[in-house]
Amino acid sequence: MEAVTRTVFAIANSCPASSSMPPKDEGKCISMHQPWASLLVHGVKRIEGRSWPTDLRGRLWVHATAKAPDPQHVREVEALYRTIYEMEGKTVRFPESYPSGVLLGCVEVVDCLQGTDVEGWEGLPDSIKLEVGSPYCFLCEQPQRLLVLHPVRGWPGIWKLPKKIVDTAGVGLARPTCVEGEHSWKRFGRPKVSLQGQRPTSGRENMWKEKYGNALNRGGVGQ
């Protein structure tokens, strides 16, 4: 009995001090163009849009493609998010740089909804709805950035990182400080979800394209 007790205490002491165990890391990764990739891992961007849905729930690593961002495009995207956070009464700080061709960090995907469902979400602030620009929305939270960036080659869709990279990167993560507070989707309740399998086009995307142009050219690879 004493041996079993020692084993239980050893396991408990090896776990992080949190209310729940950390999510399983299967090394799933998504490649994104800058500046969208950095904005996601720094917690500025909360919705990642795609033309296809995903059943992934849990950790998603974020990789920046090799293409360097256009400075004008960066300014347009930052202006868009500055407007979004002003609506929430918050000041947003943007990353100092937008590196390319590297693994940047990770987020937790808590759900995937159609863009029209997010736009019709009664409990969701209008500011967050302005992030909708694709048929499907990955709802992201708990962003973490890598303290040391890892050069990695990206792929379309959701792909798997080598285990060696996952093991190395997983111990060098830090919470970002670009936005005050921590975003959680639970606080907004649940939306009314429409029938699955449809591929709607968001009307709001067209509205924001008229105002911001290239700012709504989302950062996905193989969208």
Protein backbone atom coordinates (compact mmCIF):
# COMPACT_ATOMS: atom_id res chain seq x y z
CA MET A 1 0.00 0.00 0.00
CA GLU A 2 2.82 2.36 0.84
CA ALA A 3 4.45 1.71 -2.54
CA VAL A 4 1.18 2.51 -4.34
CA THR A 5 0.83 5.75 -2.37
CA ARG A 6 4.35 6.82 -3.32
CA THR A 7 3.59 6.09 -6.97
CA VAL A 8 0.37 8.18 -6.89
CA PHE A 9 2.20 11.13 -5.31
CA ALA A 10 4.99 10.87 -7.87
CA ILE A 11 2.49 11.01 -10.74
CA ALA A 12 0.63 13.93 -9.17
CA ASN A 13 3.83 15.90 -8.64
CA SER A 14 4.85 15.38 -12.26
CA CYS A 15 1.63 17.03 -13.54
CA PRO A 16 1.35 20.79 -14.09
CA ALA A 17 -0.47 22.80 -11.45
CA SER A 18 -3.78 23.30 -13.26
CA SER A 19 -7.37 22.21 -12.92
CA SER A 20 -7.11 19.76 -15.81
CA MET A 21 -4.54 17.79 -17.74
CA PRO A 22 -3.03 19.52 -20.79
CA PRO A 23 -4.53 18.49 -24.13
CA LYS A 24 -2.89 15.69 -26.04
CA ASP A 25 -0.43 17.01 -28.60
CA GLU A 26 -0.60 15.02 -31.83
CA GLY A 27 1.60 17.47 -33.71
CA LYS A 28 -1.18 18.69 -36.02
CA CYS A 29 -0.09 21.87 -37.81
CA ILE A 30 -1.46 24.42 -40.24
CA SER A 31 0.53 26.68 -42.57
CA MET A 32 -0.53 30.31 -42.85
CA HIS A 33 0.68 33.41 -44.62
CA GLN A 34 1.88 36.37 -42.61
CA PRO A 35 0.75 38.49 -40.88
CA TRP A 36 -2.18 36.18 -40.09
CA ALA A 37 0.02 33.44 -38.64
CA SER A 38 1.68 35.63 -36.02
CA LEU A 39 -1.59 37.36 -35.15
CA LEU A 40 -3.09 33.96 -34.35
CA VAL A 41 -0.33 32.75 -32.00
CA HIS A 42 -0.15 36.19 -30.35
CA GLY A 43 -3.86 36.04 -29.50
CA VAL A 44 -4.93 38.95 -31.69
CA LYS A 45 -6.72 36.74 -34.21
CA ARG A 46 -9.34 34.45 -32.66
CA ILE A 47 -10.93 32.88 -35.74
CA GLU A 48 -9.04 31.05 -38.45
CA GLY A 49 -11.10 30.77 -41.63
CA ARG A 50 -11.05 28.03 -44.23
CA SER A 51 -13.18 26.86 -47.16
CA TRP A 52 -13.32 23.40 -45.54
CA PRO A 53 -14.35 22.17 -42.07
CA THR A 54 -12.26 20.19 -39.60
CA ASP A 55 -13.04 17.72 -36.80
CA LEU A 56 -9.79 18.62 -35.04
CA ARG A 57 -10.23 19.67 -31.42
CA GLY A 58 -7.22 20.49 -29.29
CA ARG A 59 -3.75 21.75 -30.01
CA LEU A 60 -2.99 23.10 -33.48
CA TRP A 61 0.54 24.25 -34.28
CA VAL A 62 0.90 27.31 -36.50
CA HIS A 63 3.54 27.57 -39.22
CA ALA A 64 4.35 30.72 -41.21
CA THR A 65 4.90 30.15 -44.92
CA ALA A 66 8.15 31.11 -46.62
CA LYS A 67 6.59 34.10 -48.38
CA ALA A 68 7.49 37.39 -46.67
CA PRO A 69 4.45 39.65 -46.09
CA ASP A 70 3.91 42.83 -48.06
CA PRO A 71 4.33 45.85 -45.71
CA GLN A 72 1.21 47.54 -47.08
CA HIS A 73 -0.83 44.40 -46.52
CA VAL A 74 0.47 44.20 -42.93
CA ARG A 75 -0.67 47.79 -42.30
CA GLU A 76 -4.14 47.01 -43.70
CA VAL A 77 -4.55 43.93 -41.53
CA GLU A 78 -3.33 45.74 -38.42
CA ALA A 79 -5.80 48.55 -39.15
CA LEU A 80 -8.60 45.99 -39.36
CA TYR A 81 -7.75 44.48 -35.99
CA ARG A 82 -7.21 47.86 -34.41
CA THR A 83 -10.80 48.69 -35.38
CA ILE A 84 -12.05 45.37 -33.99
CA TYR A 85 -10.42 45.87 -30.60
CA GLU A 86 -11.46 49.51 -30.39
CA MET A 87 -15.03 48.23 -30.55
CA GLU A 88 -14.25 46.16 -27.45
CA GLY A 89 -12.64 49.11 -25.65
CA LYS A 90 -9.24 47.45 -25.77
CA THR A 91 -5.80 48.46 -26.96
CA VAL A 92 -4.01 45.87 -29.06
CA ARG A 93 -0.24 45.58 -29.41
CA PHE A 94 1.00 43.97 -32.60
CA PRO A 95 4.03 41.67 -32.95
CA GLU A 96 7.30 43.45 -33.59
CA SER A 97 7.99 41.27 -36.63
CA TYR A 98 6.33 38.70 -38.89
CA PRO A 99 8.93 35.99 -39.58
CA SER A 100 8.48 33.53 -42.43
CA GLY A 101 9.32 29.88 -42.98
CA VAL A 102 9.19 28.97 -39.28
CA LEU A 103 7.04 27.31 -36.66
CA LEU A 104 5.58 30.13 -34.55
CA GLY A 105 3.55 28.53 -31.76
CA CYS A 106 0.16 26.94 -31.22
CA VAL A 107 -3.49 27.48 -30.30
CA GLU A 108 -6.32 25.29 -29.01
CA VAL A 109 -9.15 24.68 -31.48
CA VAL A 110 -12.35 24.35 -29.45
CA ASP A 111 -14.85 24.14 -32.32
CA CYS A 112 -15.41 24.54 -36.04
CA LEU A 113 -18.55 26.36 -37.20
CA GLN A 114 -19.92 27.67 -40.44
CA GLY A 115 -19.30 31.36 -40.95
CA THR A 116 -23.01 32.09 -41.11
CA ASP A 117 -23.49 30.42 -37.71
CA VAL A 118 -20.82 32.62 -36.16
CA GLU A 119 -22.36 35.74 -37.69
CA GLY A 120 -25.77 34.75 -36.32
CA TRP A 121 -24.43 33.93 -32.83
CA GLU A 122 -26.64 36.02 -30.54
CA GLY A 123 -24.26 36.08 -27.57
CA LEU A 124 -21.17 36.93 -29.60
CA PRO A 125 -19.95 40.57 -29.78
CA ASP A 126 -20.12 42.22 -33.20
CA SER A 127 -16.39 42.90 -33.01
CA ILE A 128 -15.56 39.19 -33.09
CA LYS A 129 -18.06 38.58 -35.88
CA LEU A 130 -16.02 40.95 -38.02
CA GLU A 131 -13.27 38.32 -38.07
CA VAL A 132 -15.50 36.04 -40.15
CA GLY A 133 -14.36 35.95 -43.75
CA SER A 134 -14.57 32.30 -44.82
CA PRO A 135 -17.22 29.56 -45.10
CA TYR A 136 -15.82 27.72 -42.05
CA CYS A 137 -14.39 29.15 -38.83
CA PHE A 138 -11.93 27.42 -36.50
CA LEU A 139 -12.61 28.88 -33.03
CA CYS A 140 -9.23 29.32 -31.35
CA GLU A 141 -8.10 30.17 -27.84
CA GLN A 142 -5.15 29.66 -25.44
CA PRO A 143 -2.53 30.98 -27.89
CA GLN A 144 1.11 30.29 -27.12
CA ARG A 145 4.17 31.59 -28.95
CA LEU A 146 7.52 29.88 -29.28
CA LEU A 147 10.42 31.57 -27.54
CA VAL A 148 12.77 30.03 -30.11
CA LEU A 149 11.43 29.76 -33.65
CA HIS A 150 11.94 26.50 -35.56
CA PRO A 151 12.56 26.54 -39.35
CA VAL A 152 10.03 24.13 -40.86
CA ARG A 153 8.69 23.37 -44.32
CA GLY A 154 4.91 23.74 -44.56
CA TRP A 155 2.17 21.85 -46.41
CA PRO A 156 -1.43 22.52 -47.49
CA GLY A 157 -4.29 21.58 -45.18
CA ILE A 158 -3.66 20.25 -41.69
CA TRP A 159 -0.47 18.24 -41.57
CA LYS A 160 1.63 16.50 -38.93
CA LEU A 161 4.89 17.77 -37.48
CA PRO A 162 7.74 15.33 -36.87
CA LYS A 163 7.66 14.06 -33.28
CA LYS A 164 11.17 15.37 -32.63
CA ILE A 165 10.05 18.93 -33.42
CA VAL A 166 6.91 18.58 -31.29
CA ASP A 167 8.91 17.35 -28.30
CA THR A 168 11.44 20.17 -28.64
CA ALA A 169 8.97 22.97 -29.34
CA GLY A 170 6.53 21.93 -26.64
CA VAL A 171 8.86 22.95 -23.82
CA GLY A 172 9.57 26.44 -25.18
CA LEU A 173 6.13 28.05 -25.22
CA ALA A 174 4.99 31.31 -23.59
CA ARG A 175 1.70 33.19 -23.32
CA PRO A 176 1.51 36.29 -25.55
CA THR A 177 0.90 39.78 -24.18
CA CYS A 178 -0.58 41.58 -27.19
CA VAL A 179 -4.14 41.68 -25.85
CA GLU A 180 -5.45 42.28 -22.33
CA GLY A 181 -7.14 39.31 -20.68
CA GLU A 182 -7.61 35.78 -21.97
CA HIS A 183 -10.14 34.97 -24.65
CA SER A 184 -12.58 32.11 -23.97
CA TRP A 185 -15.40 31.04 -26.28
CA LYS A 186 -17.41 29.52 -23.41
CA ARG A 187 -18.36 32.92 -22.05
CA PHE A 188 -20.51 33.61 -25.12
CA GLY A 189 -22.76 30.56 -24.78
CA ARG A 190 -23.62 28.49 -27.84
CA PRO A 191 -24.79 29.56 -31.30
CA LYS A 192 -27.68 28.11 -33.25
CA VAL A 193 -25.95 25.70 -35.61
CA SER A 194 -27.29 25.22 -39.14
CA LEU A 195 -27.29 21.99 -41.13
CA GLN A 196 -23.87 20.51 -41.77
CA GLY A 197 -22.43 19.95 -45.23
CA GLN A 198 -23.34 23.34 -46.67
CA ARG A 199 -20.63 25.67 -47.91
CA PRO A 200 -22.05 29.17 -47.39
CA THR A 201 -20.40 32.37 -48.51
CA SER A 202 -20.25 35.07 -45.88
CA GLY A 203 -21.97 38.30 -46.92
CA ARG A 204 -19.92 40.14 -44.32
CA GLU A 205 -16.74 39.16 -46.16
CA ASN A 206 -17.85 41.17 -49.20
CA MET A 207 -18.71 44.16 -47.00
CA TRP A 208 -15.26 44.23 -45.45
CA LYS A 209 -13.51 43.64 -48.76
CA GLU A 210 -15.07 46.88 -49.99
CA LYS A 211 -13.64 48.77 -47.01
CA TYR A 212 -10.29 47.06 -46.43
CA GLY A 213 -9.55 45.35 -49.74
CA ASN A 214 -6.61 42.99 -49.34
CA ALA A 215 -6.95 42.93 -45.58
CA LEU A 216 -9.51 40.15 -45.90
CA ASN A 217 -7.36 37.96 -48.13
CA ARG A 218 -7.01 35.31 -45.43
CA GLY A 219 -3.73 33.74 -44.56
CA GLY A 220 -4.45 30.10 -45.29
CA VAL A 221 -2.51 27.78 -47.59
CA GLY A 222 -4.71 25.55 -49.70
CA GLN A 223 -7.88 27.19 -48.39
